[in-house]
């Protein structure tokens, strides 16, 4: 009895820790349906649930209130084709090697992406709108439903089957409804949806083409001007970056060069996101109508962020929060009510999506995947929390897109423009808007050395 009393506290502690973790895991009765929604160029704060008081996203906000909201979610590379390859494979660029728009997954690699692994496990799989990886050898043949464009980028202005004009977001809505009508009750299914919105329509100049029904939305609102839109922040960049060939500056000029342009561009960006939100509402309504909403998990994430004039830039690519931080919601209706609506502060990454989906489907996570299960992360399972992560963007190079790598933590950020050996160091606790580069500050040399060491360590681990 004495020995039993001595071990009781430890036993109880173990049971409590285990209970907390498995509380995030609903009891397995049948495999869930899984819907993965990826928006294009959707920055972290362009969502009501993330504190934006202007943008209207009621349906996504509702999912966040009923699910898990990851407030510190990032991408490991801020450009669509690399990030989408990471979402599908659970791997960093350094491992999956997809670094430009026409490179396809190899047959061996595509077989290890989450949709194909679920196909092998008996799931019906579909992909709608933007696949985003490669161009010639798409995995269309593997899918039971496929409406992805053969173009590098989808167009906003499309024609439906009858030859009538339809906006890309509305066509995506139709395709979702068609898939659910056809396969919704043939569980289990995994549907992946790649929105074009709110990405600009590439061109000279680029344009944000908005659905007609949302063109007047936000017209009586004034969008606050970002503090770092002040010209002094653009002027503080080094010469190799601060030039008229930098794509982020080229695209800034027709969209943000005047206060009037900045207002209209940001409103159009918001309008496109509200259009996506409407589709999410229609999708959830269809799930409820079919009687499958209570067994359908929805994961929502942006493929990268987007500068809205901050630092004198437009687009993504570089290491600022506006570029690399994204919204991330995991809604699982099977969760107990007490665990719904949780906000998770741990760092989550795009490479976590694939292993999370496999875990939801009770499938093993391949050893080559580098992410963690988001439900385990939310439950603070030992070994899942990360203090920092490796960031890499090596597409194209200077002068148009200077290559950058670095390390991001919740307290500090280190970036190195590797072609020029130029370093940036930001104290995110004191300077969350990244206004002051501290790399040359004598009082931050210890932190600089620590971040340099972390950079080399994490870079090697990412390979």
Protein backbone atom coordinates (compact mmCIF):
# COMPACT_ATOMS: atom_id res chain seq x y z
CA UNK A 1 0.00 0.00 0.00
CA UNK A 2 2.89 2.34 0.76
CA UNK A 3 4.37 1.83 -2.69
CA UNK A 4 0.95 2.37 -4.28
CA UNK A 5 0.56 5.71 -2.49
CA UNK A 6 4.02 6.78 -3.62
CA UNK A 7 3.31 6.16 -7.29
CA UNK A 8 -0.26 7.49 -7.31
CA UNK A 9 0.62 11.16 -8.02
CA UNK A 10 2.79 10.19 -10.98
CA UNK A 11 0.15 7.85 -12.31
CA UNK A 12 -2.52 10.49 -11.99
CA UNK A 13 -0.29 13.04 -13.69
CA UNK A 14 0.35 10.66 -16.57
CA UNK A 15 -3.36 9.97 -16.95
CA UNK A 16 -4.15 13.69 -16.91
CA UNK A 17 -1.54 14.52 -19.56
CA UNK A 18 -2.69 11.64 -21.72
CA UNK A 19 -6.31 12.64 -21.19
CA UNK A 20 -5.65 16.21 -22.33
CA UNK A 21 -4.06 14.95 -25.54
CA UNK A 22 -6.73 12.42 -26.36
CA UNK A 23 -9.47 14.93 -25.54
CA UNK A 24 -8.41 16.66 -28.76
CA UNK A 25 -8.91 13.35 -30.54
CA UNK A 26 -12.59 12.51 -31.06
CA UNK A 27 -13.60 8.93 -30.52
CA UNK A 28 -13.09 7.03 -33.74
CA UNK A 29 -16.38 5.63 -34.99
CA UNK A 30 -15.99 6.06 -38.73
CA UNK A 31 -13.49 7.84 -40.90
CA UNK A 32 -14.26 11.54 -41.30
CA UNK A 33 -14.75 13.37 -44.54
CA UNK A 34 -12.00 15.96 -44.98
CA UNK A 35 -12.13 19.25 -46.86
CA UNK A 36 -8.93 21.25 -47.33
CA UNK A 37 -9.41 24.86 -48.42
CA UNK A 38 -6.42 26.93 -49.60
CA UNK A 39 -6.74 30.61 -50.46
CA UNK A 40 -4.10 32.35 -52.57
CA UNK A 41 -2.08 35.26 -51.11
CA UNK A 42 -4.24 35.41 -47.98
CA UNK A 43 -2.39 37.23 -45.20
CA UNK A 44 -2.95 36.32 -41.57
CA UNK A 45 -4.89 39.42 -40.49
CA UNK A 46 -7.36 39.51 -43.41
CA UNK A 47 -9.98 37.65 -41.40
CA UNK A 48 -12.47 38.83 -38.83
CA UNK A 49 -11.49 36.07 -36.43
CA UNK A 50 -7.90 37.35 -36.51
CA UNK A 51 -8.93 40.79 -35.28
CA UNK A 52 -9.73 42.60 -38.52
CA UNK A 53 -12.75 44.81 -37.77
CA UNK A 54 -13.35 45.84 -41.38
CA UNK A 55 -13.31 42.69 -43.48
CA UNK A 56 -16.52 40.66 -43.58
CA UNK A 57 -15.84 36.93 -43.18
CA UNK A 58 -18.76 35.65 -41.03
CA UNK A 59 -18.66 32.03 -42.20
CA UNK A 60 -14.93 31.58 -41.67
CA UNK A 61 -15.22 33.37 -38.33
CA UNK A 62 -17.90 30.89 -37.31
CA UNK A 63 -15.62 27.96 -38.17
CA UNK A 64 -12.89 29.59 -36.08
CA UNK A 65 -15.26 30.05 -33.13
CA UNK A 66 -16.26 26.39 -33.28
CA UNK A 67 -12.85 24.96 -34.13
CA UNK A 68 -9.16 25.58 -33.52
CA UNK A 69 -7.71 28.93 -34.58
CA UNK A 70 -3.92 28.95 -34.99
CA UNK A 71 -2.91 32.58 -34.46
CA UNK A 72 0.77 32.04 -35.28
CA UNK A 73 0.62 30.10 -38.54
CA UNK A 74 3.31 30.56 -41.19
CA UNK A 75 4.48 29.24 -44.52
CA UNK A 76 8.03 27.99 -44.97
CA UNK A 77 8.26 29.65 -48.41
CA UNK A 78 6.02 32.54 -49.48
CA UNK A 79 5.25 31.79 -53.11
CA UNK A 80 2.32 29.75 -54.34
CA UNK A 81 3.90 26.79 -56.17
CA UNK A 82 6.44 26.08 -53.40
CA UNK A 83 3.94 26.50 -50.59
CA UNK A 84 1.33 24.31 -52.29
CA UNK A 85 3.97 21.62 -52.82
CA UNK A 86 4.69 21.87 -49.10
CA UNK A 87 0.99 21.65 -48.24
CA UNK A 88 0.60 18.49 -50.34
CA UNK A 89 3.85 16.78 -49.32
CA UNK A 90 4.42 17.97 -45.75
CA UNK A 91 7.95 18.97 -46.77
CA UNK A 92 10.13 22.05 -46.95
CA UNK A 93 11.34 23.33 -50.31
CA UNK A 94 14.78 22.00 -49.38
CA UNK A 95 13.35 18.49 -49.48
CA UNK A 96 10.62 18.45 -52.13
CA UNK A 97 12.70 20.61 -54.54
CA UNK A 98 9.71 22.26 -56.26
CA UNK A 99 11.20 25.73 -56.82
CA UNK A 100 9.60 26.99 -60.03
CA UNK A 101 6.26 26.96 -61.74
CA UNK A 102 6.62 24.16 -64.30
CA UNK A 103 8.32 21.47 -62.19
CA UNK A 104 6.04 18.53 -61.43
CA UNK A 105 6.20 16.09 -58.57
CA UNK A 106 7.88 12.86 -59.63
CA UNK A 107 5.62 9.80 -59.72
CA UNK A 108 7.23 8.62 -56.51
CA UNK A 109 6.71 12.01 -54.84
CA UNK A 110 3.09 12.47 -55.90
CA UNK A 111 2.31 9.02 -54.51
CA UNK A 112 3.37 10.34 -51.09
CA UNK A 113 1.13 13.44 -51.12
CA UNK A 114 -1.84 13.42 -48.78
CA UNK A 115 -4.62 13.02 -51.43
CA UNK A 116 -3.01 10.01 -53.07
CA UNK A 117 -2.23 8.39 -49.73
CA UNK A 118 -5.88 8.80 -48.78
CA UNK A 119 -6.93 7.37 -52.14
CA UNK A 120 -4.93 4.25 -51.31
CA UNK A 121 -6.73 4.14 -47.95
CA UNK A 122 -10.13 4.04 -49.61
CA UNK A 123 -11.03 7.72 -49.77
CA UNK A 124 -12.77 9.31 -52.74
CA UNK A 125 -10.61 12.29 -53.66
CA UNK A 126 -11.33 15.51 -55.53
CA UNK A 127 -9.41 18.65 -56.43
CA UNK A 128 -11.00 21.93 -57.51
CA UNK A 129 -9.61 25.02 -59.27
CA UNK A 130 -5.90 25.54 -58.48
CA UNK A 131 -3.58 22.60 -57.94
CA UNK A 132 -0.56 24.85 -58.26
CA UNK A 133 2.31 22.39 -58.69
CA UNK A 134 3.79 21.72 -62.12
CA UNK A 135 2.12 21.95 -65.48
CA UNK A 136 2.73 18.94 -67.74
CA UNK A 137 2.28 15.83 -65.64
CA UNK A 138 -0.54 16.75 -63.26
CA UNK A 139 -1.97 13.91 -61.14
CA UNK A 140 -5.45 14.30 -62.65
CA UNK A 141 -5.71 10.58 -63.40
CA UNK A 142 -5.51 9.71 -59.70
CA UNK A 143 -8.55 11.81 -58.79
CA UNK A 144 -12.20 10.90 -58.84
CA UNK A 145 -13.10 14.56 -59.45
CA UNK A 146 -10.78 17.14 -61.01
CA UNK A 147 -11.63 20.66 -62.24
CA UNK A 148 -8.18 22.25 -61.98
CA UNK A 149 -7.01 24.61 -64.71
CA UNK A 150 -4.13 23.54 -66.98
CA UNK A 151 -2.81 27.11 -66.75
CA UNK A 152 -0.07 28.24 -64.37
CA UNK A 153 -2.62 30.57 -62.81
CA UNK A 154 -6.42 30.36 -63.09
CA UNK A 155 -8.25 33.30 -64.65
CA UNK A 156 -10.88 35.25 -62.74
CA UNK A 157 -12.94 35.76 -65.88
CA UNK A 158 -14.18 32.37 -67.04
CA UNK A 159 -16.93 30.80 -69.14
CA UNK A 160 -19.27 28.19 -67.75
CA UNK A 161 -20.45 25.11 -69.67
CA UNK A 162 -23.09 27.19 -71.44
CA UNK A 163 -20.52 29.74 -72.58
CA UNK A 164 -21.68 32.43 -70.16
CA UNK A 165 -19.31 34.62 -68.15
CA UNK A 166 -18.64 33.42 -64.61
CA UNK A 167 -16.22 34.63 -61.97
CA UNK A 168 -13.61 32.11 -60.81
CA UNK A 169 -14.90 32.18 -57.23
CA UNK A 170 -18.47 31.47 -58.38
CA UNK A 171 -17.25 28.60 -60.59
CA UNK A 172 -15.42 27.18 -57.59
CA UNK A 173 -18.69 27.39 -55.66
CA UNK A 174 -20.48 25.43 -58.41
CA UNK A 175 -17.76 22.79 -58.53
CA UNK A 176 -17.93 22.27 -54.78
CA UNK A 177 -21.68 21.80 -54.93
CA UNK A 178 -21.30 19.34 -57.83
CA UNK A 179 -18.71 17.29 -55.97
CA UNK A 180 -20.81 17.13 -52.81
CA UNK A 181 -23.95 16.17 -54.76
CA UNK A 182 -22.04 13.39 -56.47
CA UNK A 183 -19.84 12.07 -53.67
CA UNK A 184 -21.07 13.62 -50.43
CA UNK A 185 -22.84 10.50 -49.22
CA UNK A 186 -20.21 8.11 -50.53
CA UNK A 187 -18.04 8.58 -47.48
CA UNK A 188 -15.26 8.91 -46.80
CA UNK A 189 -14.06 11.65 -49.14
CA UNK A 190 -11.22 14.17 -49.19
CA UNK A 191 -11.88 17.31 -51.22
CA UNK A 192 -9.07 19.81 -51.82
CA UNK A 193 -10.06 23.32 -52.95
CA UNK A 194 -7.52 25.79 -54.29
CA UNK A 195 -9.01 29.27 -54.65
CA UNK A 196 -7.62 31.86 -57.03
CA UNK A 197 -8.81 34.59 -54.66
CA UNK A 198 -7.53 36.89 -53.39
CA UNK A 199 -4.53 36.67 -55.74
CA UNK A 200 -4.25 39.46 -58.29
CA UNK A 201 -4.79 38.77 -61.98
CA UNK A 202 -1.28 38.94 -63.37
CA UNK A 203 -0.78 41.52 -66.09
CA UNK A 204 0.61 44.95 -66.79
CA UNK A 205 -0.79 46.39 -64.65
CA UNK A 206 -1.98 43.58 -62.36
CA UNK A 207 -5.67 43.75 -61.40
CA UNK A 208 -7.95 42.51 -58.67
CA UNK A 209 -11.06 41.37 -60.54
CA UNK A 210 -13.99 41.34 -58.14
CA UNK A 211 -17.37 39.65 -58.39
CA UNK A 212 -20.04 42.14 -59.49
CA UNK A 213 -22.11 41.60 -56.35
CA UNK A 214 -19.24 42.73 -54.12
CA UNK A 215 -17.99 45.74 -56.11
CA UNK A 216 -19.63 48.26 -53.78
CA UNK A 217 -18.72 46.48 -50.56
CA UNK A 218 -16.50 48.59 -48.28
CA UNK A 219 -17.06 51.69 -50.46
CA UNK A 220 -17.87 53.84 -47.42
CA UNK A 221 -14.98 52.50 -45.36
CA UNK A 222 -11.53 54.07 -44.98
CA UNK A 223 -8.78 51.48 -44.67
CA UNK A 224 -6.10 52.60 -42.17
CA UNK A 225 -2.76 53.30 -43.85
CA UNK A 226 -0.07 50.91 -42.59
CA UNK A 227 2.61 52.67 -40.58
CA UNK A 228 5.35 51.04 -42.62
CA UNK A 229 3.85 52.36 -45.86
CA UNK A 230 5.78 55.54 -45.08
CA UNK A 231 8.42 55.99 -47.85
CA UNK A 232 11.22 56.00 -45.29
CA UNK A 233 10.85 52.23 -44.85
CA UNK A 234 11.31 51.53 -48.55
CA UNK A 235 14.24 53.96 -48.58
CA UNK A 236 15.89 52.09 -45.70
CA UNK A 237 16.47 48.97 -47.83
CA UNK A 238 19.95 48.33 -49.29
CA UNK A 239 20.65 49.22 -52.92
CA UNK A 240 20.44 45.63 -54.24
CA UNK A 241 16.86 45.46 -52.94
CA UNK A 242 15.74 49.04 -53.44
CA UNK A 243 15.59 49.15 -57.22
CA UNK A 244 12.90 49.41 -59.87
CA UNK A 245 13.43 45.80 -61.03
CA UNK A 246 12.30 44.32 -57.73
CA UNK A 247 8.96 42.68 -58.58
CA UNK A 248 7.47 43.70 -55.25
CA UNK A 249 8.15 47.33 -56.16
CA UNK A 250 7.11 46.95 -59.79
CA UNK A 251 3.69 45.73 -58.66
CA UNK A 252 3.47 48.32 -55.88
CA UNK A 253 3.53 51.25 -58.33
CA UNK A 254 0.19 50.68 -60.14
CA UNK A 255 -1.59 49.50 -57.01
CA UNK A 256 -0.26 51.46 -54.01
CA UNK A 257 1.64 54.51 -55.32
CA UNK A 258 -1.10 56.93 -54.23
CA UNK A 259 -3.46 56.88 -51.23
CA UNK A 260 -6.41 56.46 -53.61
CA UNK A 261 -4.83 53.43 -55.29
CA UNK A 262 -3.97 51.92 -51.93
CA UNK A 263 -7.56 52.27 -50.70
CA UNK A 264 -9.07 50.69 -53.81
CA UNK A 265 -6.53 47.87 -54.00
CA UNK A 266 -7.00 46.90 -50.35
CA UNK A 267 -10.79 47.04 -50.66
CA UNK A 268 -10.69 44.81 -53.74
CA UNK A 269 -8.42 42.39 -51.89
CA UNK A 270 -10.96 42.32 -49.04
CA UNK A 271 -13.86 41.94 -51.51
CA UNK A 272 -12.30 38.83 -53.01
CA UNK A 273 -11.88 37.30 -49.56
CA UNK A 274 -15.51 38.05 -48.72
CA UNK A 275 -16.38 36.21 -51.93
CA UNK A 276 -14.47 33.18 -50.70
CA UNK A 277 -16.27 33.42 -47.37
CA UNK A 278 -19.63 33.27 -49.13
CA UNK A 279 -18.56 30.03 -50.84
CA UNK A 280 -17.54 28.55 -47.50
CA UNK A 281 -21.00 29.37 -46.16
CA UNK A 282 -22.65 27.68 -49.14
CA UNK A 283 -20.40 24.65 -48.68
CA UNK A 284 -21.28 24.26 -45.00
CA UNK A 285 -24.97 24.64 -45.82
CA UNK A 286 -24.68 21.83 -48.38
CA UNK A 287 -22.93 19.58 -45.84
CA UNK A 288 -25.81 20.18 -43.44
CA UNK A 289 -28.42 19.53 -46.12
CA UNK A 290 -26.76 16.22 -46.98
CA UNK A 291 -26.63 15.25 -43.31
CA UNK A 292 -22.85 14.85 -43.29
CA UNK A 293 -21.76 18.07 -41.55
CA UNK A 294 -21.18 16.35 -38.20
CA UNK A 295 -18.56 14.03 -39.72
CA UNK A 296 -16.75 16.47 -42.03
CA UNK A 297 -13.51 18.14 -40.98
CA UNK A 298 -12.64 21.48 -42.62
CA UNK A 299 -9.06 22.76 -42.70
CA UNK A 300 -8.59 26.32 -44.00
CA UNK A 301 -5.22 27.96 -44.73
CA UNK A 302 -3.64 30.63 -46.95
CA UNK A 303 -0.78 29.55 -49.21
CA UNK A 304 1.21 32.68 -48.26
CA UNK A 305 0.68 36.23 -47.09
CA UNK A 306 0.58 39.50 -49.00
CA UNK A 307 2.03 42.99 -48.63
CA UNK A 308 -0.65 45.67 -48.84
CA UNK A 309 1.85 48.50 -49.23
CA UNK A 310 3.85 47.76 -46.09
CA UNK A 311 7.56 48.59 -46.52
CA UNK A 312 6.69 50.04 -49.93
CA UNK A 313 5.96 46.56 -51.30
CA UNK A 314 3.21 44.54 -52.95
CA UNK A 315 3.14 40.76 -53.10
CA UNK A 316 4.97 38.26 -50.92
CA UNK A 317 8.35 36.46 -51.23
CA UNK A 318 10.34 38.16 -48.47
CA UNK A 319 10.48 37.48 -44.74
CA UNK A 320 8.19 40.08 -43.19
CA UNK A 321 5.12 38.97 -41.24
CA UNK A 322 2.80 40.33 -43.93
CA UNK A 323 4.39 37.91 -46.40
CA UNK A 324 4.87 34.70 -44.43
CA UNK A 325 2.07 34.63 -41.85
CA UNK A 326 -1.32 33.15 -42.82
CA UNK A 327 -4.75 32.30 -41.39
CA UNK A 328 -5.21 28.69 -40.26
CA UNK A 329 -8.43 27.13 -38.97
CA UNK A 330 -9.02 23.47 -38.16
CA UNK A 331 -12.71 22.73 -37.61
CA UNK A 332 -13.62 19.24 -36.47
CA UNK A 333 -17.30 18.95 -35.47
CA UNK A 334 -16.55 15.69 -33.67
CA UNK A 335 -14.68 17.57 -30.96
CA UNK A 336 -16.32 17.93 -27.54
CA UNK A 337 -18.03 21.29 -27.08
CA UNK A 338 -15.63 22.20 -24.28
CA UNK A 339 -12.73 22.08 -26.73
CA UNK A 340 -14.33 24.13 -29.49
CA UNK A 341 -13.29 27.70 -30.14
CA UNK A 342 -9.76 27.32 -28.84
CA UNK A 343 -7.05 29.75 -29.89
CA UNK A 344 -3.65 28.12 -30.30
CA UNK A 345 -0.54 30.25 -29.86
CA UNK A 346 2.08 27.66 -30.85
CA UNK A 347 3.84 28.12 -34.21
CA UNK A 348 2.04 26.14 -36.92
CA UNK A 349 3.34 25.68 -40.47
CA UNK A 350 2.06 24.78 -43.91
CA UNK A 351 4.12 21.56 -43.72
CA UNK A 352 1.82 20.50 -40.85
CA UNK A 353 -1.23 20.19 -43.10
CA UNK A 354 -0.41 16.85 -44.78
CA UNK A 355 0.47 14.94 -41.59
CA UNK A 356 -2.61 16.35 -39.86
CA UNK A 357 -4.90 15.09 -42.62
CA UNK A 358 -3.33 11.65 -42.56
CA UNK A 359 -3.70 11.48 -38.79
CA UNK A 360 -7.35 12.48 -39.04
CA UNK A 361 -7.85 9.57 -41.44
CA UNK A 362 -6.03 7.15 -39.11
CA UNK A 363 -3.22 6.73 -41.61
CA UNK A 364 0.51 6.52 -40.84
CA UNK A 365 2.61 9.62 -41.43
CA UNK A 366 5.48 8.90 -43.84
CA UNK A 367 8.94 9.45 -42.44
CA UNK A 368 9.84 11.98 -45.12
CA UNK A 369 7.12 14.38 -43.96
CA UNK A 370 8.57 17.18 -41.84
CA UNK A 371 5.47 18.68 -40.26
CA UNK A 372 3.57 17.75 -37.11
CA UNK A 373 -0.04 16.82 -36.42
CA UNK A 374 -1.87 20.08 -35.63
CA UNK A 375 -4.20 18.39 -33.16
CA UNK A 376 -1.20 17.07 -31.26
CA UNK A 377 0.35 20.54 -31.41
CA UNK A 378 -2.86 22.09 -30.07
CA UNK A 379 -2.88 19.54 -27.24
CA UNK A 380 0.76 20.39 -26.44
CA UNK A 381 1.87 16.82 -26.97
CA UNK A 382 5.59 16.55 -26.14
CA UNK A 383 7.81 16.94 -29.20
CA UNK A 384 5.34 18.95 -31.27
CA UNK A 385 5.96 22.54 -30.15
CA UNK A 386 8.62 24.47 -32.06
CA UNK A 387 10.55 27.47 -30.81
CA UNK A 388 11.45 28.60 -34.33
CA UNK A 389 11.44 27.49 -37.96
CA UNK A 390 13.54 27.78 -41.11
CA UNK A 391 12.36 30.11 -43.88
CA UNK A 392 13.61 29.88 -47.48
CA UNK A 393 12.78 31.64 -50.73
CA UNK A 394 15.25 30.94 -53.53
CA UNK A 395 13.12 31.34 -56.66
CA UNK A 396 14.52 33.61 -59.40
CA UNK A 397 17.08 35.73 -57.52
CA UNK A 398 18.36 39.31 -57.80
CA UNK A 399 17.52 41.86 -58.95
CA UNK A 400 13.89 40.84 -59.45
CA UNK A 401 13.44 38.61 -56.38
CA UNK A 402 16.51 38.63 -54.12
CA UNK A 403 16.93 35.21 -52.51
CA UNK A 404 16.36 35.11 -48.77
CA UNK A 405 16.65 32.54 -45.99
CA UNK A 406 16.37 32.81 -42.26
CA UNK A 407 14.86 31.81 -38.93
CA UNK A 408 11.60 32.94 -37.37
CA UNK A 409 10.63 32.63 -33.72
CA UNK A 410 7.87 34.38 -31.81
CA UNK A 411 10.43 36.74 -30.27
CA UNK A 412 13.11 37.30 -32.91
CA UNK A 413 13.49 37.08 -36.67
CA UNK A 414 16.70 36.67 -38.66
CA UNK A 415 16.82 36.95 -42.44
CA UNK A 416 19.84 36.76 -44.76
CA UNK A 417 19.77 37.78 -48.41
CA UNK A 418 22.09 35.00 -49.39
CA UNK A 419 23.31 36.44 -52.71
CA UNK A 420 24.52 39.58 -50.95
CA UNK A 421 25.31 38.34 -47.40
CA UNK A 422 23.04 41.07 -46.09
CA UNK A 423 21.43 40.36 -42.71
CA UNK A 424 18.25 41.53 -41.03
CA UNK A 425 17.42 41.07 -37.35
CA UNK A 426 14.10 42.10 -35.81
CA UNK A 427 12.95 42.05 -32.20
CA UNK A 428 9.35 41.01 -32.76
CA UNK A 429 8.33 41.56 -29.16
CA UNK A 430 9.41 45.22 -29.18
CA UNK A 431 9.01 45.83 -32.91
CA UNK A 432 6.21 43.61 -34.32
CA UNK A 433 5.96 45.72 -37.48
CA UNK A 434 9.66 45.15 -38.24
CA UNK A 435 10.56 48.80 -38.54
CA UNK A 436 14.15 48.62 -37.33
CA UNK A 437 16.85 46.25 -38.57
CA UNK A 438 19.03 45.46 -35.53
CA UNK A 439 21.71 43.38 -37.26
CA UNK A 440 24.32 46.12 -36.80
CA UNK A 441 23.17 47.16 -33.32
CA UNK A 442 25.96 46.42 -30.78
CA UNK A 443 23.42 45.60 -28.06
CA UNK A 444 21.93 42.78 -30.16
CA UNK A 445 25.13 40.98 -31.19
CA UNK A 446 24.50 38.08 -28.81
CA UNK A 447 21.02 37.54 -30.24
CA UNK A 448 22.45 37.85 -33.75
CA UNK A 449 24.97 35.09 -33.08
CA UNK A 450 22.27 32.84 -31.62
CA UNK A 451 20.05 33.34 -34.66
CA UNK A 452 22.94 32.71 -37.05
CA UNK A 453 23.59 29.41 -35.29
CA UNK A 454 19.90 28.50 -35.42
CA UNK A 455 19.81 29.37 -39.10
CA UNK A 456 22.61 26.96 -39.98
CA UNK A 457 21.16 24.21 -37.79
CA UNK A 458 17.61 24.48 -39.13
CA UNK A 459 18.75 24.83 -42.71
CA UNK A 460 20.58 21.53 -42.47
CA UNK A 461 17.62 19.83 -40.80
CA UNK A 462 15.25 21.00 -43.53
CA UNK A 463 17.09 19.06 -46.24
